[in-house]
Amino acid sequence: MKKILIKLSFIIAFTISSTALLAQGPPPPPGDPTAGGDGPVGGPAPIGGGIAILLTLGAAYGGRKVYRYWQDQKEAIEE
C-alpha cells in the first residue's frame, strides 16, 4: 500500500508541475486572413496526404491481422 501511495504522489506532483513548466509563451496571433496577408489561419499545412497514408497503413495492418487469423483457424481445423 505504501508503494502505491508513493507512486500516486509522484504522478500527481508531475502532473501538477508540468503545467507550470512552459518554456515560452505562444506566438502572436496571425493577421487578418481576409486582408490578403499570410493566408489561412492554420497556415498552409496539407493534412490530406497524411490522413490517406494513415488510413492505408491501418487497412494494411488490419488485413494482415485478419489473414493471420484465418490461417490460424485453417491450421486448427486441419489438425
N, C-alpha and C. Protein backbone atom coordinates (compact mmCIF):
# COMPACT_ATOMS: atom_id res chain seq x y z
N MET A 1 0.83 -1.19 0.00
CA MET A 1 0.00 0.00 0.00
C MET A 1 0.87 1.25 0.00
N LYS A 2 1.99 1.16 0.72
CA LYS A 2 2.88 2.31 0.81
C LYS A 2 3.49 2.63 -0.57
N LYS A 3 3.82 1.58 -1.33
CA LYS A 3 4.40 1.80 -2.65
C LYS A 3 3.40 2.47 -3.59
N ILE A 4 2.15 2.07 -3.46
CA ILE A 4 1.11 2.66 -4.31
C ILE A 4 0.94 4.14 -3.99
N LEU A 5 0.95 4.48 -2.71
CA LEU A 5 0.81 5.89 -2.33
C LEU A 5 1.99 6.72 -2.80
N ILE A 6 3.19 6.16 -2.74
CA ILE A 6 4.37 6.89 -3.21
C ILE A 6 4.29 7.12 -4.71
N LYS A 7 3.92 6.09 -5.47
CA LYS A 7 3.80 6.23 -6.92
C LYS A 7 2.71 7.23 -7.28
N LEU A 8 1.59 7.14 -6.58
CA LEU A 8 0.49 8.06 -6.83
C LEU A 8 0.88 9.50 -6.53
N SER A 9 1.62 9.72 -5.47
CA SER A 9 2.04 11.09 -5.14
C SER A 9 3.01 11.63 -6.18
N PHE A 10 3.90 10.79 -6.72
CA PHE A 10 4.80 11.25 -7.78
C PHE A 10 4.01 11.59 -9.05
N ILE A 11 3.05 10.78 -9.40
CA ILE A 11 2.25 11.05 -10.59
C ILE A 11 1.49 12.36 -10.44
N ILE A 12 0.90 12.57 -9.29
CA ILE A 12 0.17 13.82 -9.05
C ILE A 12 1.10 15.01 -9.08
N ALA A 13 2.28 14.89 -8.47
CA ALA A 13 3.24 16.00 -8.45
C ALA A 13 3.71 16.34 -9.85
N PHE A 14 4.03 15.34 -10.65
CA PHE A 14 4.49 15.60 -12.01
C PHE A 14 3.38 16.18 -12.87
N THR A 15 2.17 15.74 -12.68
CA THR A 15 1.05 16.26 -13.46
C THR A 15 0.79 17.72 -13.14
N ILE A 16 0.82 18.06 -11.88
CA ILE A 16 0.56 19.45 -11.47
C ILE A 16 1.71 20.36 -11.90
N SER A 17 2.95 19.90 -11.76
CA SER A 17 4.08 20.76 -12.09
C SER A 17 4.28 20.91 -13.59
N SER A 18 3.77 20.01 -14.39
CA SER A 18 4.00 20.10 -15.83
C SER A 18 3.29 21.29 -16.45
N THR A 19 2.21 21.76 -15.86
CA THR A 19 1.51 22.91 -16.43
C THR A 19 2.28 24.20 -16.21
N ALA A 20 3.14 24.26 -15.23
CA ALA A 20 3.90 25.48 -14.95
C ALA A 20 5.26 25.49 -15.62
N LEU A 21 5.60 24.47 -16.38
CA LEU A 21 6.93 24.36 -16.96
C LEU A 21 6.97 24.73 -18.44
N LEU A 22 6.21 25.71 -18.85
CA LEU A 22 6.21 26.13 -20.23
C LEU A 22 7.49 26.92 -20.52
N ALA A 23 8.14 26.63 -21.63
CA ALA A 23 9.40 27.26 -21.96
C ALA A 23 9.21 28.70 -22.42
N GLN A 24 8.20 28.96 -23.20
CA GLN A 24 7.93 30.31 -23.68
C GLN A 24 6.45 30.44 -23.97
N GLY A 25 6.02 31.65 -24.14
CA GLY A 25 4.61 31.89 -24.42
C GLY A 25 4.27 31.54 -25.85
N PRO A 26 3.00 31.48 -26.17
CA PRO A 26 2.60 31.17 -27.54
C PRO A 26 2.96 32.33 -28.47
N PRO A 27 3.08 32.06 -29.77
CA PRO A 27 3.39 33.13 -30.72
C PRO A 27 2.21 34.08 -30.86
N PRO A 28 2.46 35.27 -31.35
CA PRO A 28 1.35 36.22 -31.52
C PRO A 28 0.39 35.71 -32.58
N PRO A 29 -0.88 36.06 -32.47
CA PRO A 29 -1.86 35.60 -33.46
C PRO A 29 -1.55 36.19 -34.83
N PRO A 30 -1.87 35.45 -35.90
CA PRO A 30 -1.61 35.98 -37.24
C PRO A 30 -2.53 37.13 -37.57
N GLY A 31 -2.20 37.81 -38.63
CA GLY A 31 -3.02 38.93 -39.06
C GLY A 31 -4.37 38.47 -39.60
N ASP A 32 -5.14 39.40 -40.06
CA ASP A 32 -6.46 39.10 -40.60
C ASP A 32 -6.31 38.32 -41.91
N PRO A 33 -6.84 37.09 -42.00
CA PRO A 33 -6.67 36.31 -43.23
C PRO A 33 -7.42 36.87 -44.43
N THR A 34 -8.43 37.70 -44.17
CA THR A 34 -9.19 38.26 -45.29
C THR A 34 -8.51 39.49 -45.87
N ALA A 35 -7.46 39.98 -45.23
CA ALA A 35 -6.78 41.18 -45.72
C ALA A 35 -5.74 40.85 -46.78
N GLY A 36 -5.63 39.59 -47.19
CA GLY A 36 -4.66 39.23 -48.21
C GLY A 36 -3.27 39.09 -47.64
N GLY A 37 -3.17 38.76 -46.40
CA GLY A 37 -1.88 38.67 -45.74
C GLY A 37 -1.23 37.31 -45.90
N ASP A 38 -1.08 36.60 -44.81
CA ASP A 38 -0.30 35.37 -44.78
C ASP A 38 -1.07 34.13 -45.21
N GLY A 39 -2.30 34.22 -45.53
CA GLY A 39 -3.06 33.05 -45.93
C GLY A 39 -4.01 32.61 -44.84
N PRO A 40 -4.38 31.33 -44.85
CA PRO A 40 -5.36 30.86 -43.87
C PRO A 40 -4.81 30.89 -42.45
N VAL A 41 -5.72 30.88 -41.49
CA VAL A 41 -5.34 30.99 -40.09
C VAL A 41 -4.46 29.83 -39.65
N GLY A 42 -4.77 28.63 -40.09
CA GLY A 42 -3.99 27.45 -39.72
C GLY A 42 -2.69 27.31 -40.47
N GLY A 43 -2.46 28.13 -41.45
CA GLY A 43 -1.27 28.02 -42.28
C GLY A 43 -1.51 27.06 -43.43
N PRO A 44 -0.54 26.96 -44.31
CA PRO A 44 -0.73 26.11 -45.49
C PRO A 44 -0.31 24.66 -45.24
N ALA A 45 -0.66 24.09 -44.11
CA ALA A 45 -0.27 22.73 -43.77
C ALA A 45 -1.21 21.73 -44.44
N PRO A 46 -0.69 20.91 -45.37
CA PRO A 46 -1.55 19.92 -46.00
C PRO A 46 -1.73 18.70 -45.09
N ILE A 47 -2.96 18.39 -44.74
CA ILE A 47 -3.18 17.23 -43.88
C ILE A 47 -3.83 16.08 -44.63
N GLY A 48 -4.27 16.32 -45.87
CA GLY A 48 -4.94 15.28 -46.63
C GLY A 48 -4.03 14.10 -46.93
N GLY A 49 -2.77 14.34 -47.29
CA GLY A 49 -1.85 13.26 -47.61
C GLY A 49 -1.54 12.42 -46.40
N GLY A 50 -1.39 13.03 -45.26
CA GLY A 50 -1.10 12.29 -44.04
C GLY A 50 -2.24 11.39 -43.62
N ILE A 51 -3.46 11.88 -43.78
CA ILE A 51 -4.63 11.07 -43.43
C ILE A 51 -4.73 9.86 -44.35
N ALA A 52 -4.46 10.07 -45.64
CA ALA A 52 -4.52 8.96 -46.59
C ALA A 52 -3.47 7.90 -46.26
N ILE A 53 -2.29 8.32 -45.88
CA ILE A 53 -1.23 7.38 -45.52
C ILE A 53 -1.62 6.59 -44.27
N LEU A 54 -2.15 7.27 -43.28
CA LEU A 54 -2.56 6.59 -42.05
C LEU A 54 -3.69 5.60 -42.31
N LEU A 55 -4.66 5.97 -43.12
CA LEU A 55 -5.75 5.06 -43.44
C LEU A 55 -5.24 3.85 -44.21
N THR A 56 -4.33 4.06 -45.15
CA THR A 56 -3.76 2.95 -45.92
C THR A 56 -2.99 1.99 -45.03
N LEU A 57 -2.15 2.54 -44.15
CA LEU A 57 -1.38 1.69 -43.24
C LEU A 57 -2.30 0.95 -42.27
N GLY A 58 -3.34 1.60 -41.79
CA GLY A 58 -4.30 0.94 -40.90
C GLY A 58 -5.04 -0.19 -41.59
N ALA A 59 -5.43 0.03 -42.85
CA ALA A 59 -6.11 -1.03 -43.60
C ALA A 59 -5.18 -2.20 -43.87
N ALA A 60 -3.91 -1.91 -44.18
CA ALA A 60 -2.95 -2.98 -44.41
C ALA A 60 -2.71 -3.78 -43.14
N TYR A 61 -2.59 -3.10 -42.02
CA TYR A 61 -2.38 -3.78 -40.74
C TYR A 61 -3.59 -4.64 -40.38
N GLY A 62 -4.77 -4.10 -40.56
CA GLY A 62 -5.99 -4.86 -40.27
C GLY A 62 -6.13 -6.06 -41.19
N GLY A 63 -5.79 -5.89 -42.47
CA GLY A 63 -5.84 -7.00 -43.41
C GLY A 63 -4.87 -8.10 -43.04
N ARG A 64 -3.70 -7.71 -42.60
CA ARG A 64 -2.70 -8.70 -42.17
C ARG A 64 -3.19 -9.48 -40.96
N LYS A 65 -3.80 -8.78 -40.00
CA LYS A 65 -4.32 -9.44 -38.81
C LYS A 65 -5.42 -10.43 -39.17
N VAL A 66 -6.32 -10.03 -40.05
CA VAL A 66 -7.40 -10.91 -40.48
C VAL A 66 -6.84 -12.12 -41.22
N TYR A 67 -5.87 -11.92 -42.11
CA TYR A 67 -5.27 -13.02 -42.86
C TYR A 67 -4.61 -14.03 -41.92
N ARG A 68 -3.85 -13.52 -40.94
CA ARG A 68 -3.21 -14.42 -39.97
C ARG A 68 -4.24 -15.17 -39.14
N TYR A 69 -5.33 -14.51 -38.78
CA TYR A 69 -6.38 -15.17 -38.01
C TYR A 69 -6.99 -16.30 -38.82
N TRP A 70 -7.27 -16.04 -40.10
CA TRP A 70 -7.83 -17.08 -40.97
C TRP A 70 -6.87 -18.25 -41.12
N GLN A 71 -5.58 -17.94 -41.25
CA GLN A 71 -4.59 -19.00 -41.40
C GLN A 71 -4.52 -19.85 -40.13
N ASP A 72 -4.57 -19.21 -38.98
CA ASP A 72 -4.55 -19.95 -37.71
C ASP A 72 -5.79 -20.82 -37.57
N GLN A 73 -6.93 -20.31 -37.97
CA GLN A 73 -8.17 -21.09 -37.90
C GLN A 73 -8.11 -22.27 -38.87
N LYS A 74 -7.55 -22.05 -40.04
CA LYS A 74 -7.42 -23.12 -41.04
C LYS A 74 -6.51 -24.23 -40.53
N GLU A 75 -5.39 -23.85 -39.88
CA GLU A 75 -4.48 -24.83 -39.32
C GLU A 75 -5.13 -25.59 -38.16
N ALA A 76 -5.93 -24.91 -37.37
CA ALA A 76 -6.59 -25.56 -36.24
C ALA A 76 -7.63 -26.57 -36.72
N ILE A 77 -8.29 -26.29 -37.83
CA ILE A 77 -9.29 -27.22 -38.36
C ILE A 77 -8.59 -28.45 -38.96
N GLU A 78 -7.44 -28.23 -39.61
CA GLU A 78 -6.72 -29.33 -40.23
C GLU A 78 -6.11 -30.28 -39.21
N GLU A 79 -5.83 -29.79 -38.04
CA GLU A 79 -5.20 -30.64 -37.02
C GLU A 79 -6.19 -31.49 -36.36
